[in-house]
Amino acid sequence: MKLLPDQLGQIAVDDKQARDEQMMTIAPKAIGTFSPTALNKLVAAWNKLSKLFGISEAYETFSEPQKVFPVEFTKLIAMASSAIEDAVAAEVLSSDLLLDLANTKKDQDVVLLAAKIEQAAKNAAFKSFLMEAPPEPSEPEEPSEIAEEEAPMDEDAFLNMISTRMK
């Protein structure tokens, strides 16, 4: 069956919706009542940090209160959280800057997230950490061919080897 362009477009939409739904099931959620003022502080902090990720497009500000962070915004904050976690693990940032999106329930929590993200964005060591190339995954070492080809040593050969080393 040949797919028509409309069908391809619908597959892409369905795929994006499925990815968004999956993201929302595994990502921590900020659920509460959030004012545009608090959310826009977080947006401003994100927009500063986003440049370190190579994202030049600013996230739009909020004009209405929100009960839940939008999916795209949650993805961005989760990305920031992951980078901060990695930097804390590498002892580049203090653990005080870890983000707790799951326990974000009110405006004060959102403002705290914004402050932590803004501090991370201003931190020179964090900027350097983000600019470093991730380490290349190393290939597992292959056992040497010599070791694989050697036959197990018989008892006489073993005793002979030991006796020559003890001399």
C-alpha atoms as a PDB file:
ATOM      1  CA  MET A   1       0.000   0.000   0.000  1.00  0.00           C
ATOM      2  CA  LYS A   2       1.406   3.354  -1.012  1.00  0.00           C
ATOM      3  CA  LEU A   3       1.211   6.098   1.611  1.00  0.00           C
ATOM      4  CA  LEU A   4      -0.218   9.376   0.457  1.00  0.00           C
ATOM      5  CA  PRO A   5       1.221  12.662   1.737  1.00  0.00           C
ATOM      6  CA  ASP A   6      -1.788  13.217   4.021  1.00  0.00           C
ATOM      7  CA  GLN A   7      -1.243   9.803   5.550  1.00  0.00           C
ATOM      8  CA  LEU A   8       2.441  10.547   6.077  1.00  0.00           C
ATOM      9  CA  GLY A   9       1.552  13.796   7.791  1.00  0.00           C
ATOM     10  CA  GLN A  10      -0.891  12.013  10.086  1.00  0.00           C
ATOM     11  CA  ILE A  11       1.745   9.390  10.946  1.00  0.00           C
ATOM     12  CA  ALA A  12       4.144  12.183  11.921  1.00  0.00           C
ATOM     13  CA  VAL A  13       1.460  13.854  14.056  1.00  0.00           C
ATOM     14  CA  ASP A  14       0.566  10.541  15.713  1.00  0.00           C
ATOM     15  CA  ASP A  15       4.258   9.815  16.329  1.00  0.00           C
ATOM     16  CA  LYS A  16       4.804  13.229  17.953  1.00  0.00           C
ATOM     17  CA  GLN A  17       1.721  12.765  20.119  1.00  0.00           C
ATOM     18  CA  ALA A  18       2.927   9.331  21.178  1.00  0.00           C
ATOM     19  CA  ARG A  19       6.378  10.725  22.051  1.00  0.00           C
ATOM     20  CA  ASP A  20       4.791  13.587  24.012  1.00  0.00           C
ATOM     21  CA  GLU A  21       2.555  11.161  25.901  1.00  0.00           C
ATOM     22  CA  GLN A  22       5.534   8.940  26.667  1.00  0.00           C
ATOM     23  CA  MET A  23       7.527  11.958  27.835  1.00  0.00           C
ATOM     24  CA  MET A  24       4.739  12.996  30.170  1.00  0.00           C
ATOM     25  CA  THR A  25       4.540   9.516  31.697  1.00  0.00           C
ATOM     26  CA  ILE A  26       8.262   9.319  32.458  1.00  0.00           C
ATOM     27  CA  ALA A  27       9.099  12.969  33.125  1.00  0.00           C
ATOM     28  CA  PRO A  28       8.355  14.537  36.481  1.00  0.00           C
ATOM     29  CA  LYS A  29       5.382  16.838  36.249  1.00  0.00           C
ATOM     30  CA  ALA A  30       4.825  20.256  37.710  1.00  0.00           C
ATOM     31  CA  ILE A  31       1.165  20.269  38.693  1.00  0.00           C
ATOM     32  CA  GLY A  32      -0.388  23.119  40.621  1.00  0.00           C
ATOM     33  CA  THR A  33      -1.622  26.604  39.925  1.00  0.00           C
ATOM     34  CA  PHE A  34       1.059  28.756  38.383  1.00  0.00           C
ATOM     35  CA  SER A  35       0.732  32.453  37.642  1.00  0.00           C
ATOM     36  CA  PRO A  36       2.079  33.964  34.435  1.00  0.00           C
ATOM     37  CA  THR A  37       4.448  36.127  36.521  1.00  0.00           C
ATOM     38  CA  ALA A  38       6.167  33.119  38.146  1.00  0.00           C
ATOM     39  CA  LEU A  39       6.177  31.124  34.917  1.00  0.00           C
ATOM     40  CA  ASN A  40       7.705  34.006  32.997  1.00  0.00           C
ATOM     41  CA  LYS A  41      10.568  34.195  35.517  1.00  0.00           C
ATOM     42  CA  LEU A  42      11.247  30.536  34.722  1.00  0.00           C
ATOM     43  CA  VAL A  43      10.965  31.244  30.991  1.00  0.00           C
ATOM     44  CA  ALA A  44      13.486  34.103  31.303  1.00  0.00           C
ATOM     45  CA  ALA A  45      15.900  31.833  33.192  1.00  0.00           C
ATOM     46  CA  TRP A  46      15.446  29.066  30.620  1.00  0.00           C
ATOM     47  CA  ASN A  47      16.054  31.480  27.751  1.00  0.00           C
ATOM     48  CA  LYS A  48      19.412  32.404  29.326  1.00  0.00           C
ATOM     49  CA  LEU A  49      20.391  28.756  29.811  1.00  0.00           C
ATOM     50  CA  SER A  50      19.110  27.640  26.400  1.00  0.00           C
ATOM     51  CA  LYS A  51      21.911  29.509  24.661  1.00  0.00           C
ATOM     52  CA  LEU A  52      24.385  27.125  26.335  1.00  0.00           C
ATOM     53  CA  PHE A  53      22.527  24.252  24.662  1.00  0.00           C
ATOM     54  CA  GLY A  54      22.760  25.950  21.272  1.00  0.00           C
ATOM     55  CA  ILE A  55      19.065  26.854  21.242  1.00  0.00           C
ATOM     56  CA  SER A  56      18.707  30.368  19.883  1.00  0.00           C
ATOM     57  CA  GLU A  57      14.925  30.524  19.751  1.00  0.00           C
ATOM     58  CA  ALA A  58      13.471  32.013  22.938  1.00  0.00           C
ATOM     59  CA  TYR A  59      10.587  30.220  24.613  1.00  0.00           C
ATOM     60  CA  GLU A  60       7.414  32.306  24.555  1.00  0.00           C
ATOM     61  CA  THR A  61       6.108  33.909  27.717  1.00  0.00           C
ATOM     62  CA  PHE A  62       2.847  32.907  29.373  1.00  0.00           C
ATOM     63  CA  SER A  63      -0.181  35.169  29.465  1.00  0.00           C
ATOM     64  CA  GLU A  64      -2.575  32.826  31.289  1.00  0.00           C
ATOM     65  CA  PRO A  65      -2.271  30.857  34.545  1.00  0.00           C
ATOM     66  CA  GLN A  66      -1.351  27.209  34.043  1.00  0.00           C
ATOM     67  CA  LYS A  67      -2.287  24.075  35.993  1.00  0.00           C
ATOM     68  CA  VAL A  68       0.454  21.972  34.355  1.00  0.00           C
ATOM     69  CA  PHE A  69       3.623  22.894  32.507  1.00  0.00           C
ATOM     70  CA  PRO A  70       3.127  22.415  28.753  1.00  0.00           C
ATOM     71  CA  VAL A  71       4.792  19.289  27.305  1.00  0.00           C
ATOM     72  CA  GLU A  72       7.434  21.210  25.323  1.00  0.00           C
ATOM     73  CA  PHE A  73       8.304  23.378  28.327  1.00  0.00           C
ATOM     74  CA  THR A  74       8.542  20.283  30.545  1.00  0.00           C
ATOM     75  CA  LYS A  75      10.976  18.737  28.036  1.00  0.00           C
ATOM     76  CA  LEU A  76      13.171  21.835  28.157  1.00  0.00           C
ATOM     77  CA  ILE A  77      13.199  22.045  31.949  1.00  0.00           C
ATOM     78  CA  ALA A  78      13.879  18.283  32.144  1.00  0.00           C
ATOM     79  CA  MET A  79      16.848  18.796  29.787  1.00  0.00           C
ATOM     80  CA  ALA A  80      18.166  21.545  32.063  1.00  0.00           C
ATOM     81  CA  SER A  81      17.619  19.323  35.086  1.00  0.00           C
ATOM     82  CA  SER A  82      19.529  16.471  33.490  1.00  0.00           C
ATOM     83  CA  ALA A  83      22.476  18.722  32.606  1.00  0.00           C
ATOM     84  CA  ILE A  84      22.550  20.114  36.135  1.00  0.00           C
ATOM     85  CA  GLU A  85      22.436  16.580  37.575  1.00  0.00           C
ATOM     86  CA  ASP A  86      25.388  15.604  35.376  1.00  0.00           C
ATOM     87  CA  ALA A  87      27.305  18.703  36.495  1.00  0.00           C
ATOM     88  CA  VAL A  88      26.585  17.954  40.154  1.00  0.00           C
ATOM     89  CA  ALA A  89      27.779  14.365  39.650  1.00  0.00           C
ATOM     90  CA  ALA A  90      30.970  15.728  38.079  1.00  0.00           C
ATOM     91  CA  GLU A  91      31.305  18.126  41.049  1.00  0.00           C
ATOM     92  CA  VAL A  92      31.024  21.167  38.778  1.00  0.00           C
ATOM     93  CA  LEU A  93      27.889  22.514  40.505  1.00  0.00           C
ATOM     94  CA  SER A  94      26.607  22.345  44.055  1.00  0.00           C
ATOM     95  CA  SER A  95      23.798  19.904  44.794  1.00  0.00           C
ATOM     96  CA  ASP A  96      21.796  22.942  45.962  1.00  0.00           C
ATOM     97  CA  LEU A  97      21.128  23.651  42.283  1.00  0.00           C
ATOM     98  CA  LEU A  98      19.362  20.336  41.588  1.00  0.00           C
ATOM     99  CA  LEU A  99      15.866  20.914  40.201  1.00  0.00           C
ATOM    100  CA  ASP A 100      12.816  19.247  41.720  1.00  0.00           C
ATOM    101  CA  LEU A 101      10.190  19.451  39.018  1.00  0.00           C
ATOM    102  CA  ALA A 102       8.015  16.733  40.558  1.00  0.00           C
ATOM    103  CA  ASN A 103       7.486  18.782  43.730  1.00  0.00           C
ATOM    104  CA  THR A 104       6.744  22.023  41.923  1.00  0.00           C
ATOM    105  CA  LYS A 105       3.234  22.848  43.119  1.00  0.00           C
ATOM    106  CA  LYS A 106       3.052  26.616  43.609  1.00  0.00           C
ATOM    107  CA  ASP A 107       4.505  29.879  42.351  1.00  0.00           C
ATOM    108  CA  GLN A 108       7.267  29.911  45.005  1.00  0.00           C
ATOM    109  CA  ASP A 109       8.507  26.556  43.674  1.00  0.00           C
ATOM    110  CA  VAL A 110       8.550  27.902  40.118  1.00  0.00           C
ATOM    111  CA  VAL A 111      10.507  30.992  41.204  1.00  0.00           C
ATOM    112  CA  LEU A 112      12.995  28.698  43.015  1.00  0.00           C
ATOM    113  CA  LEU A 113      13.441  26.658  39.805  1.00  0.00           C
ATOM    114  CA  ALA A 114      14.049  29.896  37.919  1.00  0.00           C
ATOM    115  CA  ALA A 115      16.660  31.043  40.434  1.00  0.00           C
ATOM    116  CA  LYS A 116      18.516  27.721  40.263  1.00  0.00           C
ATOM    117  CA  ILE A 117      18.503  27.670  36.459  1.00  0.00           C
ATOM    118  CA  GLU A 118      19.685  31.272  36.336  1.00  0.00           C
ATOM    119  CA  GLN A 119      22.544  30.499  38.750  1.00  0.00           C
ATOM    120  CA  ALA A 120      23.580  27.530  36.625  1.00  0.00           C
ATOM    121  CA  ALA A 121      23.439  29.651  33.466  1.00  0.00           C
ATOM    122  CA  LYS A 122      25.787  32.235  35.028  1.00  0.00           C
ATOM    123  CA  ASN A 123      28.269  29.661  36.366  1.00  0.00           C
ATOM    124  CA  ALA A 124      31.478  29.689  34.304  1.00  0.00           C
ATOM    125  CA  ALA A 125      32.427  26.133  35.314  1.00  0.00           C
ATOM    126  CA  PHE A 126      28.993  24.902  34.205  1.00  0.00           C
ATOM    127  CA  LYS A 127      29.353  26.706  30.883  1.00  0.00           C
ATOM    128  CA  SER A 128      32.712  24.996  30.348  1.00  0.00           C
ATOM    129  CA  PHE A 129      31.225  21.666  31.407  1.00  0.00           C
ATOM    130  CA  LEU A 130      28.481  21.970  28.794  1.00  0.00           C
ATOM    131  CA  MET A 131      30.983  22.918  26.095  1.00  0.00           C
ATOM    132  CA  GLU A 132      33.119  19.830  26.708  1.00  0.00           C
ATOM    133  CA  ALA A 133      32.553  17.003  24.285  1.00  0.00           C
ATOM    134  CA  PRO A 134      31.010  13.978  25.969  1.00  0.00           C
ATOM    135  CA  PRO A 135      33.489  11.145  26.354  1.00  0.00           C
ATOM    136  CA  GLU A 136      33.539   8.710  23.473  1.00  0.00           C
ATOM    137  CA  PRO A 137      32.100   5.367  24.459  1.00  0.00           C
ATOM    138  CA  SER A 138      35.006   2.995  24.608  1.00  0.00           C
ATOM    139  CA  GLU A 139      34.837  -0.272  22.769  1.00  0.00           C
ATOM    140  CA  PRO A 140      35.161  -3.307  24.975  1.00  0.00           C
ATOM    141  CA  GLU A 141      38.623  -4.749  24.798  1.00  0.00           C
ATOM    142  CA  GLU A 142      38.854  -7.910  22.817  1.00  0.00           C
ATOM    143  CA  PRO A 143      40.733 -10.717  24.469  1.00  0.00           C
ATOM    144  CA  SER A 144      44.066 -11.303  22.818  1.00  0.00           C
ATOM    145  CA  GLU A 145      44.157 -13.942  20.162  1.00  0.00           C
ATOM    146  CA  ILE A 146      47.154 -15.540  21.833  1.00  0.00           C
ATOM    147  CA  ALA A 147      45.218 -16.203  25.013  1.00  0.00           C
ATOM    148  CA  GLU A 148      42.360 -17.763  23.068  1.00  0.00           C
ATOM    149  CA  GLU A 149      44.688 -20.028  21.080  1.00  0.00           C
ATOM    150  CA  GLU A 150      46.712 -21.301  24.031  1.00  0.00           C
ATOM    151  CA  ALA A 151      45.780 -24.742  25.230  1.00  0.00           C
ATOM    152  CA  PRO A 152      45.324 -25.218  28.939  1.00  0.00           C
ATOM    153  CA  MET A 153      48.669 -25.911  30.599  1.00  0.00           C
ATOM    154  CA  ASP A 154      49.137 -29.465  31.860  1.00  0.00           C
ATOM    155  CA  GLU A 155      50.414 -30.054  35.401  1.00  0.00           C
ATOM    156  CA  ASP A 156      54.003 -30.923  34.339  1.00  0.00           C
ATOM    157  CA  ALA A 157      54.334 -27.758  32.261  1.00  0.00           C
ATOM    158  CA  PHE A 158      52.916 -25.676  35.123  1.00  0.00           C
ATOM    159  CA  LEU A 159      55.361 -27.167  37.641  1.00  0.00           C
ATOM    160  CA  ASN A 160      58.233 -26.659  35.189  1.00  0.00           C
ATOM    161  CA  MET A 161      57.261 -22.991  34.726  1.00  0.00           C
ATOM    162  CA  ILE A 162      57.028 -22.407  38.471  1.00  0.00           C
ATOM    163  CA  SER A 163      60.389 -24.082  39.129  1.00  0.00           C
ATOM    164  CA  THR A 164      62.150 -21.943  36.500  1.00  0.00           C
ATOM    165  CA  ARG A 165      60.700 -18.737  38.009  1.00  0.00           C
ATOM    166  CA  MET A 166      61.766 -19.669  41.534  1.00  0.00           C
ATOM    167  CA  LYS A 167      65.421 -20.058  40.613  1.00  0.00           C
END
